[in-house]
């Protein structure tokens, strides 16, 4: 039986649906970096680093079997 698929040289996974202009990439990267830094600072101020560290220690001790 025939195969009715039309294969182009450019596959669908590499198709660009929209492209950000080069002049907009740097401000978007800076905005993303500042947002990430703000959330990290907010997490530290709430004490989330201690909670994450305690959970990591508990998981490691359970996997090794020392706890």
PDB file of N, CA and C in Angstrom:
ATOM      1  N   UNK A   1       0.832  -1.169   0.000  1.00  0.00           N
ATOM      2  CA  UNK A   1       0.000   0.000   0.000  1.00  0.00           C
ATOM      3  C   UNK A   1       0.885   1.243   0.000  1.00  0.00           C
ATOM      4  N   UNK A   2       0.343   2.328  -0.459  1.00  0.00           N
ATOM      5  CA  UNK A   2       1.122   3.556  -0.603  1.00  0.00           C
ATOM      6  C   UNK A   2       1.204   4.347   0.690  1.00  0.00           C
ATOM      7  N   UNK A   3       2.273   5.066   0.792  1.00  0.00           N
ATOM      8  CA  UNK A   3       2.471   5.930   1.936  1.00  0.00           C
ATOM      9  C   UNK A   3       2.180   7.353   1.485  1.00  0.00           C
ATOM     10  N   UNK A   4       1.167   7.990   2.050  1.00  0.00           N
ATOM     11  CA  UNK A   4       0.730   9.302   1.593  1.00  0.00           C
ATOM     12  C   UNK A   4       1.336  10.455   2.371  1.00  0.00           C
ATOM     13  N   UNK A   5       2.389  10.234   3.142  1.00  0.00           N
ATOM     14  CA  UNK A   5       2.994  11.323   3.900  1.00  0.00           C
ATOM     15  C   UNK A   5       3.888  12.134   2.990  1.00  0.00           C
ATOM     16  N   UNK A   6       3.886  13.427   3.189  1.00  0.00           N
ATOM     17  CA  UNK A   6       4.712  14.331   2.415  1.00  0.00           C
ATOM     18  C   UNK A   6       5.848  14.795   3.321  1.00  0.00           C
ATOM     19  N   UNK A   7       7.050  14.289   3.092  1.00  0.00           N
ATOM     20  CA  UNK A   7       8.187  14.612   3.937  1.00  0.00           C
ATOM     21  C   UNK A   7       8.967  15.755   3.314  1.00  0.00           C
ATOM     22  N   UNK A   8       9.081  16.831   4.059  1.00  0.00           N
ATOM     23  CA  UNK A   8       9.881  17.964   3.609  1.00  0.00           C
ATOM     24  C   UNK A   8      11.277  17.837   4.184  1.00  0.00           C
ATOM     25  N   UNK A   9      12.199  18.646   3.678  1.00  0.00           N
ATOM     26  CA  UNK A   9      13.562  18.600   4.195  1.00  0.00           C
ATOM     27  C   UNK A   9      13.629  19.159   5.615  1.00  0.00           C
ATOM     28  N   UNK A  10      12.656  19.994   5.989  1.00  0.00           N
ATOM     29  CA  UNK A  10      12.627  20.556   7.339  1.00  0.00           C
ATOM     30  C   UNK A  10      11.525  19.866   8.128  1.00  0.00           C
ATOM     31  N   UNK A  11      11.908  19.187   9.211  1.00  0.00           N
ATOM     32  CA  UNK A  11      10.919  18.457   9.986  1.00  0.00           C
ATOM     33  C   UNK A  11      10.113  19.415  10.855  1.00  0.00           C
ATOM     34  N   UNK A  12       8.992  18.935  11.379  1.00  0.00           N
ATOM     35  CA  UNK A  12       8.111  19.770  12.178  1.00  0.00           C
ATOM     36  C   UNK A  12       8.741  20.222  13.484  1.00  0.00           C
ATOM     37  N   UNK A  13       9.634  19.421  14.050  1.00  0.00           N
ATOM     38  CA  UNK A  13      10.224  19.800  15.329  1.00  0.00           C
ATOM     39  C   UNK A  13      11.202  20.964  15.189  1.00  0.00           C
ATOM     40  N   UNK A  14      11.659  21.242  13.991  1.00  0.00           N
ATOM     41  CA  UNK A  14      12.580  22.352  13.779  1.00  0.00           C
ATOM     42  C   UNK A  14      11.892  23.569  13.174  1.00  0.00           C
ATOM     43  N   UNK A  15      10.593  23.514  13.002  1.00  0.00           N
ATOM     44  CA  UNK A  15       9.862  24.636  12.442  1.00  0.00           C
ATOM     45  C   UNK A  15       9.734  25.730  13.476  1.00  0.00           C
ATOM     46  N   UNK A  16      10.062  26.953  13.097  1.00  0.00           N
ATOM     47  CA  UNK A  16       9.961  28.089  14.006  1.00  0.00           C
ATOM     48  C   UNK A  16       8.597  28.731  13.798  1.00  0.00           C
ATOM     49  N   UNK A  17       7.783  28.699  14.851  1.00  0.00           N
ATOM     50  CA  UNK A  17       6.462  29.289  14.749  1.00  0.00           C
ATOM     51  C   UNK A  17       6.521  30.797  14.926  1.00  0.00           C
ATOM     52  N   UNK A  18       7.395  31.261  15.788  1.00  0.00           N
ATOM     53  CA  UNK A  18       7.653  32.692  15.892  1.00  0.00           C
ATOM     54  C   UNK A  18       9.092  32.854  16.333  1.00  0.00           C
ATOM     55  N   UNK A  19       9.695  33.923  15.922  1.00  0.00           N
ATOM     56  CA  UNK A  19      11.091  34.163  16.251  1.00  0.00           C
ATOM     57  C   UNK A  19      11.210  35.518  16.929  1.00  0.00           C
ATOM     58  N   UNK A  20      11.969  35.561  18.007  1.00  0.00           N
ATOM     59  CA  UNK A  20      12.187  36.800  18.735  1.00  0.00           C
ATOM     60  C   UNK A  20      13.318  37.557  18.050  1.00  0.00           C
ATOM     61  N   UNK A  21      13.115  38.827  17.739  1.00  0.00           N
ATOM     62  CA  UNK A  21      14.191  39.594  17.107  1.00  0.00           C
ATOM     63  C   UNK A  21      15.400  39.698  18.028  1.00  0.00           C
ATOM     64  N   UNK A  22      16.576  39.811  17.430  1.00  0.00           N
ATOM     65  CA  UNK A  22      17.814  39.860  18.211  1.00  0.00           C
ATOM     66  C   UNK A  22      17.845  41.036  19.175  1.00  0.00           C
ATOM     67  N   UNK A  23      17.235  42.162  18.812  1.00  0.00           N
ATOM     68  CA  UNK A  23      17.263  43.338  19.685  1.00  0.00           C
ATOM     69  C   UNK A  23      16.418  43.138  20.931  1.00  0.00           C
ATOM     70  N   UNK A  24      15.535  42.140  20.928  1.00  0.00           N
ATOM     71  CA  UNK A  24      14.682  41.874  22.086  1.00  0.00           C
ATOM     72  C   UNK A  24      15.231  40.765  22.987  1.00  0.00           C
ATOM     73  N   UNK A  25      16.195  40.004  22.513  1.00  0.00           N
ATOM     74  CA  UNK A  25      16.687  38.873  23.294  1.00  0.00           C
ATOM     75  C   UNK A  25      17.408  39.306  24.562  1.00  0.00           C
ATOM     76  N   UNK A  26      18.254  40.315  24.471  1.00  0.00           N
ATOM     77  CA  UNK A  26      19.019  40.740  25.638  1.00  0.00           C
ATOM     78  C   UNK A  26      18.121  41.276  26.749  1.00  0.00           C
ATOM     79  N   UNK A  27      17.164  42.178  26.464  1.00  0.00           N
ATOM     80  CA  UNK A  27      16.285  42.631  27.561  1.00  0.00           C
ATOM     81  C   UNK A  27      15.461  41.496  28.161  1.00  0.00           C
ATOM     82  N   UNK A  28      15.028  40.542  27.345  1.00  0.00           N
ATOM     83  CA  UNK A  28      14.269  39.415  27.881  1.00  0.00           C
ATOM     84  C   UNK A  28      15.139  38.540  28.772  1.00  0.00           C
ATOM     85  N   UNK A  29      16.376  38.348  28.393  1.00  0.00           N
ATOM     86  CA  UNK A  29      17.292  37.555  29.222  1.00  0.00           C
ATOM     87  C   UNK A  29      17.564  38.252  30.549  1.00  0.00           C
ATOM     88  N   UNK A  30      17.753  39.573  30.496  1.00  0.00           N
ATOM     89  CA  UNK A  30      18.001  40.322  31.728  1.00  0.00           C
ATOM     90  C   UNK A  30      16.772  40.270  32.636  1.00  0.00           C
ATOM     91  N   UNK A  31      15.592  40.421  32.054  1.00  0.00           N
ATOM     92  CA  UNK A  31      14.358  40.356  32.842  1.00  0.00           C
ATOM     93  C   UNK A  31      14.193  38.974  33.476  1.00  0.00           C
ATOM     94  N   UNK A  32      14.500  37.931  32.734  1.00  0.00           N
ATOM     95  CA  UNK A  32      14.414  36.581  33.283  1.00  0.00           C
ATOM     96  C   UNK A  32      15.408  36.353  34.406  1.00  0.00           C
ATOM     97  N   UNK A  33      16.620  36.860  34.229  1.00  0.00           N
ATOM     98  CA  UNK A  33      17.645  36.722  35.262  1.00  0.00           C
ATOM     99  C   UNK A  33      17.258  37.472  36.528  1.00  0.00           C
ATOM    100  N   UNK A  34      16.733  38.694  36.372  1.00  0.00           N
ATOM    101  CA  UNK A  34      16.311  39.466  37.545  1.00  0.00           C
ATOM    102  C   UNK A  34      15.136  38.805  38.262  1.00  0.00           C
ATOM    103  N   UNK A  35      14.215  38.230  37.492  1.00  0.00           N
ATOM    104  CA  UNK A  35      13.085  37.529  38.100  1.00  0.00           C
ATOM    105  C   UNK A  35      13.562  36.313  38.880  1.00  0.00           C
ATOM    106  N   UNK A  36      14.480  35.552  38.298  1.00  0.00           N
ATOM    107  CA  UNK A  36      15.015  34.368  38.974  1.00  0.00           C
ATOM    108  C   UNK A  36      15.738  34.768  40.261  1.00  0.00           C
ATOM    109  N   UNK A  37      16.533  35.830  40.201  1.00  0.00           N
ATOM    110  CA  UNK A  37      17.247  36.286  41.395  1.00  0.00           C
ATOM    111  C   UNK A  37      16.273  36.745  42.479  1.00  0.00           C
ATOM    112  N   UNK A  38      15.202  37.414  42.065  1.00  0.00           N
ATOM    113  CA  UNK A  38      14.203  37.864  43.044  1.00  0.00           C
ATOM    114  C   UNK A  38      13.544  36.678  43.732  1.00  0.00           C
ATOM    115  N   UNK A  39      13.233  35.633  42.989  1.00  0.00           N
ATOM    116  CA  UNK A  39      12.616  34.451  43.607  1.00  0.00           C
ATOM    117  C   UNK A  39      13.598  33.710  44.510  1.00  0.00           C
ATOM    118  N   UNK A  40      14.869  33.675  44.152  1.00  0.00           N
ATOM    119  CA  UNK A  40      15.869  33.031  45.016  1.00  0.00           C
ATOM    120  C   UNK A  40      15.998  33.798  46.327  1.00  0.00           C
ATOM    121  N   UNK A  41      16.064  35.119  46.237  1.00  0.00           N
ATOM    122  CA  UNK A  41      16.157  35.942  47.455  1.00  0.00           C
ATOM    123  C   UNK A  41      14.900  35.776  48.304  1.00  0.00           C
ATOM    124  N   UNK A  42      13.744  35.739  47.672  1.00  0.00           N
ATOM    125  CA  UNK A  42      12.490  35.551  48.405  1.00  0.00           C
ATOM    126  C   UNK A  42      12.473  34.189  49.106  1.00  0.00           C
ATOM    127  N   UNK A  43      12.958  33.156  48.439  1.00  0.00           N
ATOM    128  CA  UNK A  43      13.011  31.832  49.047  1.00  0.00           C
ATOM    129  C   UNK A  43      13.948  31.784  50.244  1.00  0.00           C
ATOM    130  N   UNK A  44      15.104  32.427  50.120  1.00  0.00           N
ATOM    131  CA  UNK A  44      16.036  32.474  51.254  1.00  0.00           C
ATOM    132  C   UNK A  44      15.445  33.240  52.419  1.00  0.00           C
ATOM    133  N   UNK A  45      14.725  34.314  52.138  1.00  0.00           N
ATOM    134  CA  UNK A  45      14.158  35.108  53.229  1.00  0.00           C
ATOM    135  C   UNK A  45      13.063  34.348  53.974  1.00  0.00           C
ATOM    136  N   UNK A  46      12.420  33.406  53.311  1.00  0.00           N
ATOM    137  CA  UNK A  46      11.387  32.589  53.960  1.00  0.00           C
ATOM    138  C   UNK A  46      11.958  31.359  54.645  1.00  0.00           C
ATOM    139  N   UNK A  47      13.241  31.088  54.481  1.00  0.00           N
ATOM    140  CA  UNK A  47      13.868  29.938  55.115  1.00  0.00           C
ATOM    141  C   UNK A  47      13.680  28.644  54.339  1.00  0.00           C
ATOM    142  N   UNK A  48      13.398  28.752  53.059  1.00  0.00           N
ATOM    143  CA  UNK A  48      13.159  27.557  52.251  1.00  0.00           C
ATOM    144  C   UNK A  48      14.429  26.746  52.022  1.00  0.00           C
ATOM    145  N   UNK A  49      15.588  27.386  52.083  1.00  0.00           N
ATOM    146  CA  UNK A  49      16.842  26.659  51.854  1.00  0.00           C
ATOM    147  C   UNK A  49      17.056  25.600  52.939  1.00  0.00           C
ATOM    148  N   UNK A  50      16.699  25.920  54.169  1.00  0.00           N
ATOM    149  CA  UNK A  50      16.849  24.974  55.279  1.00  0.00           C
ATOM    150  C   UNK A  50      15.900  23.787  55.087  1.00  0.00           C
ATOM    151  N   UNK A  51      14.679  24.064  54.636  1.00  0.00           N
ATOM    152  CA  UNK A  51      13.701  22.996  54.411  1.00  0.00           C
ATOM    153  C   UNK A  51      14.188  22.048  53.314  1.00  0.00           C
ATOM    154  N   UNK A  52      14.683  22.625  52.229  1.00  0.00           N
ATOM    155  CA  UNK A  52      15.176  21.797  51.111  1.00  0.00           C
ATOM    156  C   UNK A  52      16.380  20.981  51.557  1.00  0.00           C
ATOM    157  N   UNK A  53      17.293  21.566  52.310  1.00  0.00           N
ATOM    158  CA  UNK A  53      18.466  20.838  52.787  1.00  0.00           C
ATOM    159  C   UNK A  53      18.065  19.694  53.703  1.00  0.00           C
ATOM    160  N   UNK A  54      17.118  19.923  54.608  1.00  0.00           N
ATOM    161  CA  UNK A  54      16.659  18.855  55.501  1.00  0.00           C
ATOM    162  C   UNK A  54      16.027  17.705  54.719  1.00  0.00           C
ATOM    163  N   UNK A  55      15.229  18.040  53.707  1.00  0.00           N
ATOM    164  CA  UNK A  55      14.617  16.989  52.892  1.00  0.00           C
ATOM    165  C   UNK A  55      15.677  16.208  52.122  1.00  0.00           C
ATOM    166  N   UNK A  56      16.683  16.898  51.613  1.00  0.00           N
ATOM    167  CA  UNK A  56      17.756  16.221  50.873  1.00  0.00           C
ATOM    168  C   UNK A  56      18.544  15.287  51.786  1.00  0.00           C
ATOM    169  N   UNK A  57      18.818  15.727  52.998  1.00  0.00           N
ATOM    170  CA  UNK A  57      19.546  14.883  53.947  1.00  0.00           C
ATOM    171  C   UNK A  57      18.722  13.652  54.289  1.00  0.00           C
ATOM    172  N   UNK A  58      17.418  13.840  54.531  1.00  0.00           N
ATOM    173  CA  UNK A  58      16.560  12.699  54.865  1.00  0.00           C
ATOM    174  C   UNK A  58      16.488  11.693  53.718  1.00  0.00           C
ATOM    175  N   UNK A  59      16.369  12.174  52.499  1.00  0.00           N
ATOM    176  CA  UNK A  59      16.310  11.265  51.348  1.00  0.00           C
ATOM    177  C   UNK A  59      17.612  10.506  51.206  1.00  0.00           C
ATOM    178  N   UNK A  60      18.748  11.200  51.362  1.00  0.00           N
ATOM    179  CA  UNK A  60      20.035  10.530  51.223  1.00  0.00           C
ATOM    180  C   UNK A  60      20.235   9.479  52.315  1.00  0.00           C
ATOM    181  N   UNK A  61      19.849   9.807  53.543  1.00  0.00           N
ATOM    182  CA  UNK A  61      20.015   8.848  54.637  1.00  0.00           C
ATOM    183  C   UNK A  61      19.105   7.636  54.443  1.00  0.00           C
ATOM    184  N   UNK A  62      17.919   7.845  53.885  1.00  0.00           N
ATOM    185  CA  UNK A  62      17.022   6.706  53.642  1.00  0.00           C
ATOM    186  C   UNK A  62      17.562   5.817  52.532  1.00  0.00           C
ATOM    187  N   UNK A  63      18.135   6.437  51.492  1.00  0.00           N
ATOM    188  CA  UNK A  63      18.648   5.622  50.371  1.00  0.00           C
ATOM    189  C   UNK A  63      19.875   4.824  50.787  1.00  0.00           C
ATOM    190  N   UNK A  64      20.736   5.423  51.566  1.00  0.00           N
ATOM    191  CA  UNK A  64      21.948   4.732  52.003  1.00  0.00           C
ATOM    192  C   UNK A  64      21.609   3.722  53.091  1.00  0.00           C
ATOM    193  N   UNK A  65      20.582   4.008  53.875  1.00  0.00           N
ATOM    194  CA  UNK A  65      20.163   3.084  54.910  1.00  0.00           C
ATOM    195  C   UNK A  65      20.764   3.379  56.264  1.00  0.00           C
ATOM    196  N   UNK A  66      21.300   4.551  56.434  1.00  0.00           N
ATOM    197  CA  UNK A  66      21.892   4.911  57.719  1.00  0.00           C
ATOM    198  C   UNK A  66      20.841   5.437  58.704  1.00  0.00           C
ATOM    199  N   UNK A  67      19.699   5.880  58.181  1.00  0.00           N
ATOM    200  CA  UNK A  67      18.702   6.514  59.033  1.00  0.00           C
ATOM    201  C   UNK A  67      17.768   5.516  59.547  1.00  0.00           C
TER     202      UNK A  67
END
